[in-house]
Each structure stands twice: as structure tokens, then as C-alpha cells.
Amino acid sequence: LRFDTVGNRALSDLASLFTRQKLKTFIVSPN
């Protein structure tokens, strides 16, 4: 698990097209 709180890395830096890794976007919506 990796949380990128800054967003300064491209998704292509973190995962290959030939992997089973799942990439999810997580946006905080405080309530």
C-alpha cells in the first residue's frame, strides 16, 4: 500500500502494464 499525498509521481512510475497490481484513486471528502 502506498499513499501519495503530494501527487508528484506518474502512475507509470509505480506500476507496470504487465502486473496484477491494482491502482486506486482515493480522494478525501471530510465530513
PDB file of all heavy atoms in Angstrom:
ATOM      1  N   LEU A   1       0.850  -1.180   0.000  1.00  0.00           N
ATOM      2  CA  LEU A   1       0.000   0.000   0.000  1.00  0.00           C
ATOM      3  C   LEU A   1       0.886   1.231   0.000  1.00  0.00           C
ATOM      4  O   LEU A   1       1.873   1.294   0.707  1.00  0.00           O
ATOM      5  CB  LEU A   1      -0.897   0.010   1.242  1.00  0.00           C
ATOM      6  CG  LEU A   1      -1.807   1.207   1.431  1.00  0.00           C
ATOM      7  CD1 LEU A   1      -2.864   1.236   0.336  1.00  0.00           C
ATOM      8  CD2 LEU A   1      -2.463   1.159   2.783  1.00  0.00           C
ATOM      9  N   ARG A   2       0.511   2.206  -0.790  1.00  0.00           N
ATOM     10  CA  ARG A   2       1.261   3.453  -0.850  1.00  0.00           C
ATOM     11  C   ARG A   2       0.279   4.606  -0.992  1.00  0.00           C
ATOM     12  O   ARG A   2      -0.555   4.602  -1.874  1.00  0.00           O
ATOM     13  CB  ARG A   2       2.208   3.439  -2.043  1.00  0.00           C
ATOM     14  CG  ARG A   2       3.014   4.692  -2.133  1.00  0.00           C
ATOM     15  CD  ARG A   2       3.913   4.669  -3.360  1.00  0.00           C
ATOM     16  NE  ARG A   2       4.463   5.968  -3.578  1.00  0.00           N
ATOM     17  CZ  ARG A   2       3.851   6.963  -4.195  1.00  0.00           C
ATOM     18  NH1 ARG A   2       2.659   6.796  -4.687  1.00  0.00           N
ATOM     19  NH2 ARG A   2       4.419   8.130  -4.325  1.00  0.00           N
ATOM     20  N   PHE A   3       0.403   5.578  -0.110  1.00  0.00           N
ATOM     21  CA  PHE A   3      -0.403   6.793  -0.196  1.00  0.00           C
ATOM     22  C   PHE A   3       0.487   7.903  -0.720  1.00  0.00           C
ATOM     23  O   PHE A   3       1.515   8.210  -0.134  1.00  0.00           O
ATOM     24  CB  PHE A   3      -0.941   7.219   1.181  1.00  0.00           C
ATOM     25  CG  PHE A   3      -2.179   6.493   1.594  1.00  0.00           C
ATOM     26  CD1 PHE A   3      -2.130   5.529   2.576  1.00  0.00           C
ATOM     27  CD2 PHE A   3      -3.394   6.779   0.995  1.00  0.00           C
ATOM     28  CE1 PHE A   3      -3.271   4.861   2.971  1.00  0.00           C
ATOM     29  CE2 PHE A   3      -4.538   6.119   1.378  1.00  0.00           C
ATOM     30  CZ  PHE A   3      -4.478   5.148   2.371  1.00  0.00           C
ATOM     31  N   ASP A   4       0.091   8.506  -1.804  1.00  0.00           N
ATOM     32  CA  ASP A   4       0.815   9.642  -2.360  1.00  0.00           C
ATOM     33  C   ASP A   4       0.022  10.887  -1.998  1.00  0.00           C
ATOM     34  O   ASP A   4      -0.975  11.200  -2.620  1.00  0.00           O
ATOM     35  CB  ASP A   4       0.951   9.501  -3.869  1.00  0.00           C
ATOM     36  CG  ASP A   4       1.731  10.642  -4.501  1.00  0.00           C
ATOM     37  OD1 ASP A   4       2.126  11.572  -3.770  1.00  0.00           O
ATOM     38  OD2 ASP A   4       1.929  10.602  -5.718  1.00  0.00           O
ATOM     39  N   THR A   5       0.471  11.589  -0.981  1.00  0.00           N
ATOM     40  CA  THR A   5      -0.271  12.765  -0.523  1.00  0.00           C
ATOM     41  C   THR A   5       0.091  14.015  -1.293  1.00  0.00           C
ATOM     42  O   THR A   5      -0.547  15.039  -1.135  1.00  0.00           O
ATOM     43  CB  THR A   5      -0.018  13.015   0.979  1.00  0.00           C
ATOM     44  OG1 THR A   5       1.375  13.211   1.185  1.00  0.00           O
ATOM     45  CG2 THR A   5      -0.512  11.841   1.810  1.00  0.00           C
ATOM     46  N   VAL A   6       1.125  13.908  -2.130  1.00  0.00           N
ATOM     47  CA  VAL A   6       1.568  15.067  -2.894  1.00  0.00           C
ATOM     48  C   VAL A   6       1.166  14.961  -4.351  1.00  0.00           C
ATOM     49  O   VAL A   6       0.831  15.944  -4.998  1.00  0.00           O
ATOM     50  CB  VAL A   6       3.102  15.251  -2.762  1.00  0.00           C
ATOM     51  CG1 VAL A   6       3.573  16.428  -3.580  1.00  0.00           C
ATOM     52  CG2 VAL A   6       3.490  15.405  -1.306  1.00  0.00           C
ATOM     53  N   GLY A   7       1.204  13.759  -4.901  1.00  0.00           N
ATOM     54  CA  GLY A   7       0.830  13.559  -6.294  1.00  0.00           C
ATOM     55  C   GLY A   7       1.891  13.973  -7.278  1.00  0.00           C
ATOM     56  O   GLY A   7       1.598  14.441  -8.362  1.00  0.00           O
ATOM     57  N   ASN A   8       3.161  13.770  -6.916  1.00  0.00           N
ATOM     58  CA  ASN A   8       4.237  14.206  -7.800  1.00  0.00           C
ATOM     59  C   ASN A   8       4.882  13.059  -8.578  1.00  0.00           C
ATOM     60  O   ASN A   8       5.919  13.244  -9.186  1.00  0.00           O
ATOM     61  CB  ASN A   8       5.303  14.983  -7.020  1.00  0.00           C
ATOM     62  CG  ASN A   8       5.970  14.146  -5.954  1.00  0.00           C
ATOM     63  OD1 ASN A   8       5.568  13.026  -5.683  1.00  0.00           O
ATOM     64  ND2 ASN A   8       6.986  14.701  -5.332  1.00  0.00           N
ATOM     65  N   ARG A   9       4.276  11.882  -8.571  1.00  0.00           N
ATOM     66  CA  ARG A   9       4.788  10.747  -9.340  1.00  0.00           C
ATOM     67  C   ARG A   9       3.703  10.290 -10.315  1.00  0.00           C
ATOM     68  O   ARG A   9       2.531  10.238  -9.975  1.00  0.00           O
ATOM     69  CB  ARG A   9       5.132   9.556  -8.441  1.00  0.00           C
ATOM     70  CG  ARG A   9       6.226   9.811  -7.435  1.00  0.00           C
ATOM     71  CD  ARG A   9       7.539  10.227  -8.060  1.00  0.00           C
ATOM     72  NE  ARG A   9       8.103   9.253  -8.949  1.00  0.00           N
ATOM     73  CZ  ARG A   9       9.296   8.723  -8.818  1.00  0.00           C
ATOM     74  NH1 ARG A   9      10.047   9.052  -7.789  1.00  0.00           N
ATOM     75  NH2 ARG A   9       9.752   7.889  -9.700  1.00  0.00           N
ATOM     76  N   ALA A  10       4.118   9.936 -11.507  1.00  0.00           N
ATOM     77  CA  ALA A  10       3.181   9.411 -12.506  1.00  0.00           C
ATOM     78  C   ALA A  10       2.837   7.969 -12.155  1.00  0.00           C
ATOM     79  O   ALA A  10       3.663   7.237 -11.609  1.00  0.00           O
ATOM     80  CB  ALA A  10       3.818   9.472 -13.892  1.00  0.00           C
ATOM     81  N   LEU A  11       1.627   7.552 -12.466  1.00  0.00           N
ATOM     82  CA  LEU A  11       1.235   6.171 -12.209  1.00  0.00           C
ATOM     83  C   LEU A  11       2.142   5.194 -12.943  1.00  0.00           C
ATOM     84  O   LEU A  11       2.417   4.103 -12.455  1.00  0.00           O
ATOM     85  CB  LEU A  11      -0.225   5.945 -12.613  1.00  0.00           C
ATOM     86  CG  LEU A  11      -1.269   6.592 -11.712  1.00  0.00           C
ATOM     87  CD1 LEU A  11      -2.664   6.322 -12.239  1.00  0.00           C
ATOM     88  CD2 LEU A  11      -1.139   6.109 -10.285  1.00  0.00           C
ATOM     89  N   SER A  12       2.629   5.570 -14.119  1.00  0.00           N
ATOM     90  CA  SER A  12       3.513   4.688 -14.882  1.00  0.00           C
ATOM     91  C   SER A  12       4.838   4.446 -14.160  1.00  0.00           C
ATOM     92  O   SER A  12       5.521   3.458 -14.425  1.00  0.00           O
ATOM     93  CB  SER A  12       3.763   5.262 -16.268  1.00  0.00           C
ATOM     94  OG  SER A  12       4.385   6.534 -16.163  1.00  0.00           O
ATOM     95  N   ASP A  13       5.230   5.332 -13.228  1.00  0.00           N
ATOM     96  CA  ASP A  13       6.441   5.127 -12.431  1.00  0.00           C
ATOM     97  C   ASP A  13       6.235   4.013 -11.408  1.00  0.00           C
ATOM     98  O   ASP A  13       7.187   3.396 -10.959  1.00  0.00           O
ATOM     99  CB  ASP A  13       6.815   6.399 -11.647  1.00  0.00           C
ATOM    100  CG  ASP A  13       7.333   7.510 -12.532  1.00  0.00           C
ATOM    101  OD1 ASP A  13       7.691   7.227 -13.695  1.00  0.00           O
ATOM    102  OD2 ASP A  13       7.373   8.651 -12.050  1.00  0.00           O
ATOM    103  N   LEU A  14       4.976   3.791 -11.017  1.00  0.00           N
ATOM    104  CA  LEU A  14       4.688   2.906  -9.887  1.00  0.00           C
ATOM    105  C   LEU A  14       4.205   1.531 -10.285  1.00  0.00           C
ATOM    106  O   LEU A  14       4.236   0.617  -9.466  1.00  0.00           O
ATOM    107  CB  LEU A  14       3.637   3.566  -8.989  1.00  0.00           C
ATOM    108  CG  LEU A  14       3.966   4.983  -8.543  1.00  0.00           C
ATOM    109  CD1 LEU A  14       2.795   5.598  -7.821  1.00  0.00           C
ATOM    110  CD2 LEU A  14       5.192   4.968  -7.668  1.00  0.00           C
ATOM    111  N   ALA A  15       3.711   1.342 -11.487  1.00  0.00           N
ATOM    112  CA  ALA A  15       3.159   0.044 -11.862  1.00  0.00           C
ATOM    113  C   ALA A  15       3.426  -0.230 -13.336  1.00  0.00           C
ATOM    114  O   ALA A  15       3.445   0.668 -14.154  1.00  0.00           O
ATOM    115  CB  ALA A  15       1.659   0.008 -11.582  1.00  0.00           C
ATOM    116  N   SER A  16       3.588  -1.484 -13.624  1.00  0.00           N
ATOM    117  CA  SER A  16       3.815  -1.922 -14.995  1.00  0.00           C
ATOM    118  C   SER A  16       2.487  -2.355 -15.608  1.00  0.00           C
ATOM    119  O   SER A  16       1.558  -2.754 -14.901  1.00  0.00           O
ATOM    120  CB  SER A  16       4.788  -3.105 -14.986  1.00  0.00           C
ATOM    121  OG  SER A  16       4.768  -3.759 -16.237  1.00  0.00           O
ATOM    122  N   LEU A  17       2.408  -2.305 -16.930  1.00  0.00           N
ATOM    123  CA  LEU A  17       1.215  -2.811 -17.613  1.00  0.00           C
ATOM    124  C   LEU A  17       1.093  -4.320 -17.459  1.00  0.00           C
ATOM    125  O   LEU A  17       0.024  -4.883 -17.629  1.00  0.00           O
ATOM    126  CB  LEU A  17       1.277  -2.449 -19.101  1.00  0.00           C
ATOM    127  CG  LEU A  17       1.180  -0.964 -19.434  1.00  0.00           C
ATOM    128  CD1 LEU A  17       1.394  -0.751 -20.933  1.00  0.00           C
ATOM    129  CD2 LEU A  17      -0.162  -0.405 -19.008  1.00  0.00           C
ATOM    130  N   PHE A  18       2.214  -4.978 -17.137  1.00  0.00           N
ATOM    131  CA  PHE A  18       2.245  -6.440 -17.065  1.00  0.00           C
ATOM    132  C   PHE A  18       2.227  -6.948 -15.629  1.00  0.00           C
ATOM    133  O   PHE A  18       2.844  -7.947 -15.307  1.00  0.00           O
ATOM    134  CB  PHE A  18       3.493  -6.960 -17.790  1.00  0.00           C
ATOM    135  CG  PHE A  18       3.594  -6.443 -19.195  1.00  0.00           C
ATOM    136  CD1 PHE A  18       4.509  -5.450 -19.514  1.00  0.00           C
ATOM    137  CD2 PHE A  18       2.754  -6.911 -20.181  1.00  0.00           C
ATOM    138  CE1 PHE A  18       4.598  -4.963 -20.808  1.00  0.00           C
ATOM    139  CE2 PHE A  18       2.826  -6.419 -21.476  1.00  0.00           C
ATOM    140  CZ  PHE A  18       3.751  -5.450 -21.791  1.00  0.00           C
ATOM    141  N   THR A  19       1.521  -6.274 -14.781  1.00  0.00           N
ATOM    142  CA  THR A  19       1.429  -6.675 -13.377  1.00  0.00           C
ATOM    143  C   THR A  19      -0.028  -6.782 -12.969  1.00  0.00           C
ATOM    144  O   THR A  19      -0.914  -6.256 -13.629  1.00  0.00           O
ATOM    145  CB  THR A  19       2.154  -5.657 -12.472  1.00  0.00           C
ATOM    146  OG1 THR A  19       2.132  -6.149 -11.129  1.00  0.00           O
ATOM    147  CG2 THR A  19       1.486  -4.306 -12.495  1.00  0.00           C
ATOM    148  N   ARG A  20      -0.249  -7.455 -11.877  1.00  0.00           N
ATOM    149  CA  ARG A  20      -1.613  -7.592 -11.351  1.00  0.00           C
ATOM    150  C   ARG A  20      -1.910  -6.557 -10.276  1.00  0.00           C
ATOM    151  O   ARG A  20      -2.928  -6.620  -9.622  1.00  0.00           O
ATOM    152  CB  ARG A  20      -1.809  -8.990 -10.782  1.00  0.00           C
ATOM    153  CG  ARG A  20      -1.809 -10.043 -11.850  1.00  0.00           C
ATOM    154  CD  ARG A  20      -2.130 -11.376 -11.269  1.00  0.00           C
ATOM    155  NE  ARG A  20      -2.251 -12.345 -12.338  1.00  0.00           N
ATOM    156  CZ  ARG A  20      -2.409 -13.632 -12.170  1.00  0.00           C
ATOM    157  NH1 ARG A  20      -2.452 -14.110 -10.945  1.00  0.00           N
ATOM    158  NH2 ARG A  20      -2.507 -14.443 -13.185  1.00  0.00           N
ATOM    159  N   GLN A  21      -1.017  -5.608 -10.112  1.00  0.00           N
ATOM    160  CA  GLN A  21      -1.245  -4.560  -9.115  1.00  0.00           C
ATOM    161  C   GLN A  21      -2.509  -3.793  -9.453  1.00  0.00           C
ATOM    162  O   GLN A  21      -2.799  -3.524 -10.612  1.00  0.00           O
ATOM    163  CB  GLN A  21      -0.083  -3.572  -9.082  1.00  0.00           C
ATOM    164  CG  GLN A  21       1.139  -4.082  -8.399  1.00  0.00           C
ATOM    165  CD  GLN A  21       2.208  -3.009  -8.399  1.00  0.00           C
ATOM    166  OE1 GLN A  21       2.604  -2.531  -9.455  1.00  0.00           O
ATOM    167  NE2 GLN A  21       2.665  -2.647  -7.223  1.00  0.00           N
ATOM    168  N   LYS A  22      -3.229  -3.426  -8.418  1.00  0.00           N
ATOM    169  CA  LYS A  22      -4.416  -2.597  -8.592  1.00  0.00           C
ATOM    170  C   LYS A  22      -4.085  -1.194  -8.127  1.00  0.00           C
ATOM    171  O   LYS A  22      -3.533  -0.995  -7.057  1.00  0.00           O
ATOM    172  CB  LYS A  22      -5.580  -3.153  -7.770  1.00  0.00           C
ATOM    173  CG  LYS A  22      -6.078  -4.483  -8.250  1.00  0.00           C
ATOM    174  CD  LYS A  22      -7.233  -4.953  -7.399  1.00  0.00           C
ATOM    175  CE  LYS A  22      -7.705  -6.312  -7.874  1.00  0.00           C
ATOM    176  NZ  LYS A  22      -8.821  -6.805  -7.067  1.00  0.00           N
ATOM    177  N   LEU A  23      -4.422  -0.240  -8.941  1.00  0.00           N
ATOM    178  CA  LEU A  23      -4.227   1.155  -8.584  1.00  0.00           C
ATOM    179  C   LEU A  23      -5.589   1.791  -8.371  1.00  0.00           C
ATOM    180  O   LEU A  23      -6.478   1.666  -9.200  1.00  0.00           O
ATOM    181  CB  LEU A  23      -3.473   1.892  -9.691  1.00  0.00           C
ATOM    182  CG  LEU A  23      -2.076   1.370  -9.981  1.00  0.00           C
ATOM    183  CD1 LEU A  23      -1.507   2.079 -11.196  1.00  0.00           C
ATOM    184  CD2 LEU A  23      -1.169   1.571  -8.780  1.00  0.00           C
ATOM    185  N   LYS A  24      -5.739   2.433  -7.262  1.00  0.00           N
ATOM    186  CA  LYS A  24      -6.997   3.085  -6.926  1.00  0.00           C
ATOM    187  C   LYS A  24      -6.735   4.536  -6.571  1.00  0.00           C
ATOM    188  O   LYS A  24      -5.742   4.858  -5.936  1.00  0.00           O
ATOM    189  CB  LYS A  24      -7.661   2.409  -5.725  1.00  0.00           C
ATOM    190  CG  LYS A  24      -7.974   0.951  -5.907  1.00  0.00           C
ATOM    191  CD  LYS A  24      -9.323   0.783  -6.493  1.00  0.00           C
ATOM    192  CE  LYS A  24      -9.638  -0.702  -6.550  1.00  0.00           C
ATOM    193  NZ  LYS A  24     -10.871  -0.977  -7.150  1.00  0.00           N
ATOM    194  N   THR A  25      -7.634   5.385  -6.949  1.00  0.00           N
ATOM    195  CA  THR A  25      -7.575   6.783  -6.549  1.00  0.00           C
ATOM    196  C   THR A  25      -8.407   6.934  -5.282  1.00  0.00           C
ATOM    197  O   THR A  25      -9.508   6.410  -5.177  1.00  0.00           O
ATOM    198  CB  THR A  25      -8.142   7.681  -7.659  1.00  0.00           C
ATOM    199  OG1 THR A  25      -7.388   7.460  -8.843  1.00  0.00           O
ATOM    200  CG2 THR A  25      -8.052   9.132  -7.268  1.00  0.00           C
ATOM    201  N   PHE A  26      -7.848   7.643  -4.342  1.00  0.00           N
ATOM    202  CA  PHE A  26      -8.515   7.856  -3.065  1.00  0.00           C
ATOM    203  C   PHE A  26      -8.575   9.347  -2.820  1.00  0.00           C
ATOM    204  O   PHE A  26      -7.548  10.011  -2.725  1.00  0.00           O
ATOM    205  CB  PHE A  26      -7.719   7.154  -1.953  1.00  0.00           C
ATOM    206  CG  PHE A  26      -8.276   7.363  -0.586  1.00  0.00           C
ATOM    207  CD1 PHE A  26      -9.402   6.672  -0.170  1.00  0.00           C
ATOM    208  CD2 PHE A  26      -7.676   8.244   0.287  1.00  0.00           C
ATOM    209  CE1 PHE A  26      -9.909   6.861   1.107  1.00  0.00           C
ATOM    210  CE2 PHE A  26      -8.174   8.436   1.559  1.00  0.00           C
ATOM    211  CZ  PHE A  26      -9.295   7.736   1.969  1.00  0.00           C
ATOM    212  N   ILE A  27      -9.775   9.874  -2.768  1.00  0.00           N
ATOM    213  CA  ILE A  27      -9.951  11.309  -2.534  1.00  0.00           C
ATOM    214  C   ILE A  27     -10.693  11.488  -1.216  1.00  0.00           C
ATOM    215  O   ILE A  27     -11.743  10.891  -1.002  1.00  0.00           O
ATOM    216  CB  ILE A  27     -10.733  11.968  -3.687  1.00  0.00           C
ATOM    217  CG1 ILE A  27      -9.955  11.801  -4.995  1.00  0.00           C
ATOM    218  CG2 ILE A  27     -11.003  13.434  -3.391  1.00  0.00           C
ATOM    219  CD1 ILE A  27     -10.697  12.265  -6.216  1.00  0.00           C
ATOM    220  N   VAL A  28     -10.108  12.286  -0.366  1.00  0.00           N
ATOM    221  CA  VAL A  28     -10.713  12.521   0.942  1.00  0.00           C
ATOM    222  C   VAL A  28     -11.826  13.539   0.815  1.00  0.00           C
ATOM    223  O   VAL A  28     -11.673  14.583   0.190  1.00  0.00           O
ATOM    224  CB  VAL A  28      -9.653  13.028   1.938  1.00  0.00           C
ATOM    225  CG1 VAL A  28     -10.297  13.396   3.265  1.00  0.00           C
ATOM    226  CG2 VAL A  28      -8.577  11.985   2.134  1.00  0.00           C
ATOM    227  N   SER A  29     -12.917  13.223   1.416  1.00  0.00           N
ATOM    228  CA  SER A  29     -14.058  14.120   1.471  1.00  0.00           C
ATOM    229  C   SER A  29     -14.469  14.231   2.937  1.00  0.00           C
ATOM    230  O   SER A  29     -15.277  13.449   3.421  1.00  0.00           O
ATOM    231  CB  SER A  29     -15.204  13.517   0.653  1.00  0.00           C
ATOM    232  OG  SER A  29     -15.832  14.465  -0.112  1.00  0.00           O
ATOM    233  N   PRO A  30     -13.842  15.150   3.679  1.00  0.00           N
ATOM    234  CA  PRO A  30     -14.117  15.206   5.116  1.00  0.00           C
ATOM    235  C   PRO A  30     -15.580  15.497   5.404  1.00  0.00           C
ATOM    236  O   PRO A  30     -16.229  16.254   4.690  1.00  0.00           O
ATOM    237  CB  PRO A  30     -13.236  16.334   5.625  1.00  0.00           C
ATOM    238  CG  PRO A  30     -12.661  17.013   4.447  1.00  0.00           C
ATOM    239  CD  PRO A  30     -12.968  16.203   3.238  1.00  0.00           C
ATOM    240  N   ASN A  31     -16.057  14.850   6.444  1.00  0.00           N
ATOM    241  CA  ASN A  31     -17.424  15.113   6.900  1.00  0.00           C
ATOM    242  C   ASN A  31     -17.397  15.288   8.415  1.00  0.00           C
ATOM    243  O   ASN A  31     -16.383  15.043   9.063  1.00  0.00           O
ATOM    244  CB  ASN A  31     -18.362  13.973   6.477  1.00  0.00           C
ATOM    245  CG  ASN A  31     -17.921  12.630   7.032  1.00  0.00           C
ATOM    246  OD1 ASN A  31     -17.759  12.481   8.232  1.00  0.00           O
ATOM    247  ND2 ASN A  31     -17.701  11.667   6.144  1.00  0.00           N
TER     248      ASN A  31
END
